[in-house]
C-alpha cells in the first residue's frame, strides 16, 4: 500500500483493517502480537506500514496543520419508497 496515494487500497494485518485515503489512513480492528512467529510477522508488517506512513509524511513539505474530520453520513428519505 502506498500511503495517501488513492482511495482504493486496503490491507488486513491479523484482524486489523487499514484503509488508504488521500488525506488519512484509517485503522480499525484488533490485533494480538503474540510471542511467536505469527506475532513476529504481524509486527514486521505493522512496522513496514508505519515506516511507509512516516516517510510519506516527512517527505511532504506542504503538510497542513490539520485535516478536517470526515463528515458523518446524512440519511435521506428514499424517494422511491
N, C-alpha and C. Protein backbone atom coordinates (compact mmCIF):
# COMPACT_ATOMS: atom_id res chain seq x y z
N UNK A 1 0.84 -1.18 0.00
CA UNK A 1 0.00 0.00 0.00
C UNK A 1 0.89 1.25 0.00
N UNK A 2 0.56 2.19 -0.85
CA UNK A 2 1.29 3.46 -0.90
C UNK A 2 0.44 4.50 -0.17
N UNK A 3 0.83 4.89 1.05
CA UNK A 3 0.01 5.78 1.87
C UNK A 3 -0.36 7.08 1.16
N UNK A 4 -1.63 7.45 1.30
CA UNK A 4 -2.17 8.72 0.82
C UNK A 4 -2.16 8.85 -0.70
N UNK A 5 -2.07 7.75 -1.43
CA UNK A 5 -1.99 7.83 -2.88
C UNK A 5 -3.32 7.59 -3.58
N UNK A 6 -4.27 6.96 -2.90
CA UNK A 6 -5.55 6.68 -3.55
C UNK A 6 -6.61 6.37 -2.50
N UNK A 7 -7.81 6.16 -2.95
CA UNK A 7 -8.94 5.86 -2.06
C UNK A 7 -9.35 4.39 -2.17
N UNK A 8 -8.50 3.55 -2.73
CA UNK A 8 -8.90 2.18 -3.01
C UNK A 8 -8.14 1.13 -2.22
N UNK A 9 -6.89 1.40 -1.85
CA UNK A 9 -6.09 0.38 -1.18
C UNK A 9 -6.59 0.10 0.23
N UNK A 10 -6.58 -1.16 0.57
CA UNK A 10 -6.89 -1.60 1.94
C UNK A 10 -6.10 -2.87 2.19
N UNK A 11 -5.62 -3.01 3.41
CA UNK A 11 -4.89 -4.21 3.78
C UNK A 11 -5.42 -4.71 5.12
N UNK A 12 -5.17 -5.98 5.38
CA UNK A 12 -5.51 -6.57 6.66
C UNK A 12 -4.24 -7.17 7.25
N UNK A 13 -4.03 -6.89 8.51
CA UNK A 13 -2.93 -7.48 9.27
C UNK A 13 -3.59 -8.10 10.49
N UNK A 14 -3.68 -9.41 10.50
CA UNK A 14 -4.47 -10.07 11.53
C UNK A 14 -5.92 -9.65 11.35
N UNK A 15 -6.56 -9.21 12.43
CA UNK A 15 -7.92 -8.68 12.35
C UNK A 15 -7.93 -7.17 12.30
N UNK A 16 -6.79 -6.57 12.02
CA UNK A 16 -6.67 -5.12 11.90
C UNK A 16 -6.90 -4.74 10.45
N UNK A 17 -7.77 -3.78 10.23
CA UNK A 17 -8.06 -3.29 8.87
C UNK A 17 -7.41 -1.93 8.69
N UNK A 18 -6.77 -1.73 7.55
CA UNK A 18 -6.12 -0.47 7.25
C UNK A 18 -6.63 -0.01 5.89
N UNK A 19 -7.25 1.19 5.88
CA UNK A 19 -7.81 1.73 4.64
C UNK A 19 -7.04 2.98 4.24
N UNK A 20 -6.70 3.06 2.99
CA UNK A 20 -5.97 4.19 2.44
C UNK A 20 -6.94 5.26 1.98
N UNK A 21 -6.62 6.51 2.26
CA UNK A 21 -7.38 7.65 1.77
C UNK A 21 -6.36 8.69 1.29
N UNK A 22 -6.83 9.70 0.60
CA UNK A 22 -5.93 10.74 0.14
C UNK A 22 -5.47 11.65 1.28
N UNK A 23 -6.30 11.78 2.33
CA UNK A 23 -5.96 12.68 3.42
C UNK A 23 -5.81 11.99 4.77
N UNK A 24 -5.94 10.66 4.81
CA UNK A 24 -5.83 9.94 6.08
C UNK A 24 -5.66 8.45 5.84
N UNK A 25 -5.12 7.79 6.83
CA UNK A 25 -5.06 6.34 6.88
C UNK A 25 -5.98 5.93 8.02
N UNK A 26 -6.96 5.09 7.74
CA UNK A 26 -7.90 4.66 8.77
C UNK A 26 -7.54 3.25 9.20
N UNK A 27 -7.39 3.08 10.52
CA UNK A 27 -7.02 1.78 11.08
C UNK A 27 -8.06 1.40 12.13
N UNK A 28 -8.60 0.21 12.00
CA UNK A 28 -9.56 -0.26 13.00
C UNK A 28 -9.48 -1.76 13.13
N UNK A 29 -9.99 -2.26 14.22
CA UNK A 29 -9.96 -3.70 14.46
C UNK A 29 -9.11 -4.03 15.66
N UNK A 30 -8.58 -5.22 15.67
CA UNK A 30 -7.83 -5.72 16.81
C UNK A 30 -6.72 -6.63 16.30
N UNK A 31 -5.61 -6.59 17.01
CA UNK A 31 -4.52 -7.49 16.66
C UNK A 31 -3.80 -7.90 17.94
N UNK A 32 -3.39 -9.14 18.01
CA UNK A 32 -2.57 -9.64 19.11
C UNK A 32 -1.18 -9.92 18.55
N UNK A 33 -0.19 -9.28 19.14
CA UNK A 33 1.20 -9.55 18.75
C UNK A 33 1.73 -10.60 19.71
N UNK A 34 1.46 -11.84 19.38
CA UNK A 34 1.86 -12.96 20.22
C UNK A 34 3.36 -13.18 20.13
N UNK A 35 3.90 -13.81 21.15
CA UNK A 35 5.35 -14.06 21.18
C UNK A 35 5.65 -15.38 20.47
N UNK A 36 5.46 -15.33 19.15
CA UNK A 36 5.73 -16.49 18.30
C UNK A 36 6.00 -15.99 16.89
N UNK A 37 6.15 -16.90 15.95
CA UNK A 37 6.47 -16.50 14.57
C UNK A 37 5.35 -15.67 13.95
N UNK A 38 4.10 -16.04 14.21
CA UNK A 38 2.98 -15.28 13.65
C UNK A 38 2.98 -13.86 14.21
N UNK A 39 3.23 -13.71 15.50
CA UNK A 39 3.31 -12.37 16.11
C UNK A 39 4.43 -11.55 15.50
N UNK A 40 5.54 -12.20 15.23
CA UNK A 40 6.67 -11.51 14.60
C UNK A 40 6.33 -11.03 13.19
N UNK A 41 5.60 -11.87 12.43
CA UNK A 41 5.19 -11.47 11.09
C UNK A 41 4.25 -10.27 11.14
N UNK A 42 3.28 -10.30 12.07
CA UNK A 42 2.36 -9.16 12.23
C UNK A 42 3.13 -7.90 12.61
N UNK A 43 4.06 -8.04 13.54
CA UNK A 43 4.84 -6.88 14.00
C UNK A 43 5.65 -6.28 12.85
N UNK A 44 6.27 -7.12 12.04
CA UNK A 44 7.04 -6.62 10.90
C UNK A 44 6.13 -5.93 9.89
N UNK A 45 4.95 -6.49 9.65
CA UNK A 45 4.00 -5.87 8.71
C UNK A 45 3.54 -4.51 9.23
N UNK A 46 3.26 -4.42 10.52
CA UNK A 46 2.86 -3.14 11.11
C UNK A 46 3.99 -2.12 11.03
N UNK A 47 5.20 -2.57 11.34
CA UNK A 47 6.36 -1.67 11.28
C UNK A 47 6.55 -1.14 9.86
N UNK A 48 6.44 -2.00 8.87
CA UNK A 48 6.59 -1.57 7.47
C UNK A 48 5.51 -0.55 7.12
N UNK A 49 4.28 -0.83 7.52
CA UNK A 49 3.18 0.09 7.25
C UNK A 49 3.46 1.46 7.88
N UNK A 50 3.81 1.47 9.17
CA UNK A 50 4.05 2.74 9.85
C UNK A 50 5.30 3.44 9.32
N UNK A 51 6.33 2.70 8.97
CA UNK A 51 7.52 3.31 8.37
C UNK A 51 7.14 4.01 7.06
N UNK A 52 6.30 3.37 6.24
CA UNK A 52 5.87 3.98 4.98
C UNK A 52 5.05 5.24 5.22
N UNK A 53 4.16 5.20 6.21
CA UNK A 53 3.34 6.37 6.54
C UNK A 53 4.22 7.51 7.02
N UNK A 54 5.13 7.22 7.95
CA UNK A 54 6.01 8.27 8.48
C UNK A 54 6.87 8.86 7.38
N UNK A 55 7.43 8.02 6.53
CA UNK A 55 8.27 8.51 5.43
C UNK A 55 7.48 9.42 4.50
N UNK A 56 6.26 9.02 4.18
CA UNK A 56 5.42 9.84 3.30
C UNK A 56 5.12 11.19 3.94
N UNK A 57 4.81 11.20 5.23
CA UNK A 57 4.52 12.46 5.92
C UNK A 57 5.77 13.34 6.02
N UNK A 58 6.91 12.74 6.32
CA UNK A 58 8.15 13.51 6.44
C UNK A 58 8.58 14.11 5.11
N UNK A 59 8.29 13.42 4.02
CA UNK A 59 8.74 13.86 2.71
C UNK A 59 7.83 14.90 2.07
N UNK A 60 6.72 15.24 2.72
CA UNK A 60 5.76 16.19 2.15
C UNK A 60 5.96 17.57 2.77
N UNK A 61 6.55 18.50 2.00
CA UNK A 61 6.81 19.84 2.56
C UNK A 61 5.55 20.69 2.69
N UNK A 62 4.45 20.27 2.11
CA UNK A 62 3.22 21.08 2.11
C UNK A 62 2.14 20.54 3.04
N UNK A 63 2.54 19.86 4.12
CA UNK A 63 1.54 19.31 5.04
C UNK A 63 0.76 20.43 5.72
N UNK A 64 -0.56 20.31 5.76
CA UNK A 64 -1.34 21.30 6.52
C UNK A 64 -1.20 21.04 8.01
N UNK A 65 -1.58 22.01 8.84
CA UNK A 65 -1.55 21.83 10.29
C UNK A 65 -2.55 20.77 10.73
N UNK A 66 -3.75 20.79 10.13
CA UNK A 66 -4.81 19.85 10.48
C UNK A 66 -5.63 19.51 9.25
N UNK A 67 -6.20 18.33 9.26
CA UNK A 67 -7.15 17.91 8.22
C UNK A 67 -8.51 17.79 8.91
N UNK A 68 -9.53 18.32 8.26
CA UNK A 68 -10.87 18.27 8.84
C UNK A 68 -11.31 16.82 8.99
N UNK A 69 -12.02 16.52 10.10
CA UNK A 69 -12.51 15.15 10.26
C UNK A 69 -13.53 14.82 9.17
N UNK A 70 -13.69 13.55 8.86
CA UNK A 70 -14.66 13.18 7.82
C UNK A 70 -16.07 13.55 8.27
N UNK A 71 -16.90 13.95 7.32
CA UNK A 71 -18.28 14.30 7.63
C UNK A 71 -19.09 13.04 7.87
N UNK A 72 -19.98 13.12 8.84
CA UNK A 72 -20.87 11.99 9.12
C UNK A 72 -21.85 11.83 7.97
N UNK A 73 -22.19 10.60 7.62
CA UNK A 73 -23.15 10.41 6.54
C UNK A 73 -24.52 10.99 6.92
N UNK A 74 -25.20 11.51 5.92
CA UNK A 74 -26.52 12.10 6.13
C UNK A 74 -27.56 11.13 5.55
N UNK A 75 -28.51 10.75 6.39
CA UNK A 75 -29.59 9.85 5.96
C UNK A 75 -30.66 10.69 5.26
N UNK A 76 -31.08 10.24 4.10
CA UNK A 76 -32.15 10.93 3.36
C UNK A 76 -33.27 9.96 3.09
N UNK A 77 -34.46 10.51 3.00
CA UNK A 77 -35.63 9.70 2.70
C UNK A 77 -35.53 9.14 1.30
N UNK A 78 -35.88 7.87 1.12
CA UNK A 78 -35.84 7.23 -0.18
C UNK A 78 -37.04 7.73 -0.99
N UNK A 79 -36.82 8.43 -2.11
CA UNK A 79 -37.94 8.96 -2.89
C UNK A 79 -38.72 7.88 -3.62
N UNK A 80 -38.17 6.66 -3.68
CA UNK A 80 -38.84 5.58 -4.39
C UNK A 80 -39.63 4.66 -3.47
N UNK A 81 -39.59 4.91 -2.18
CA UNK A 81 -40.29 4.05 -1.23
C UNK A 81 -41.74 4.51 -1.04
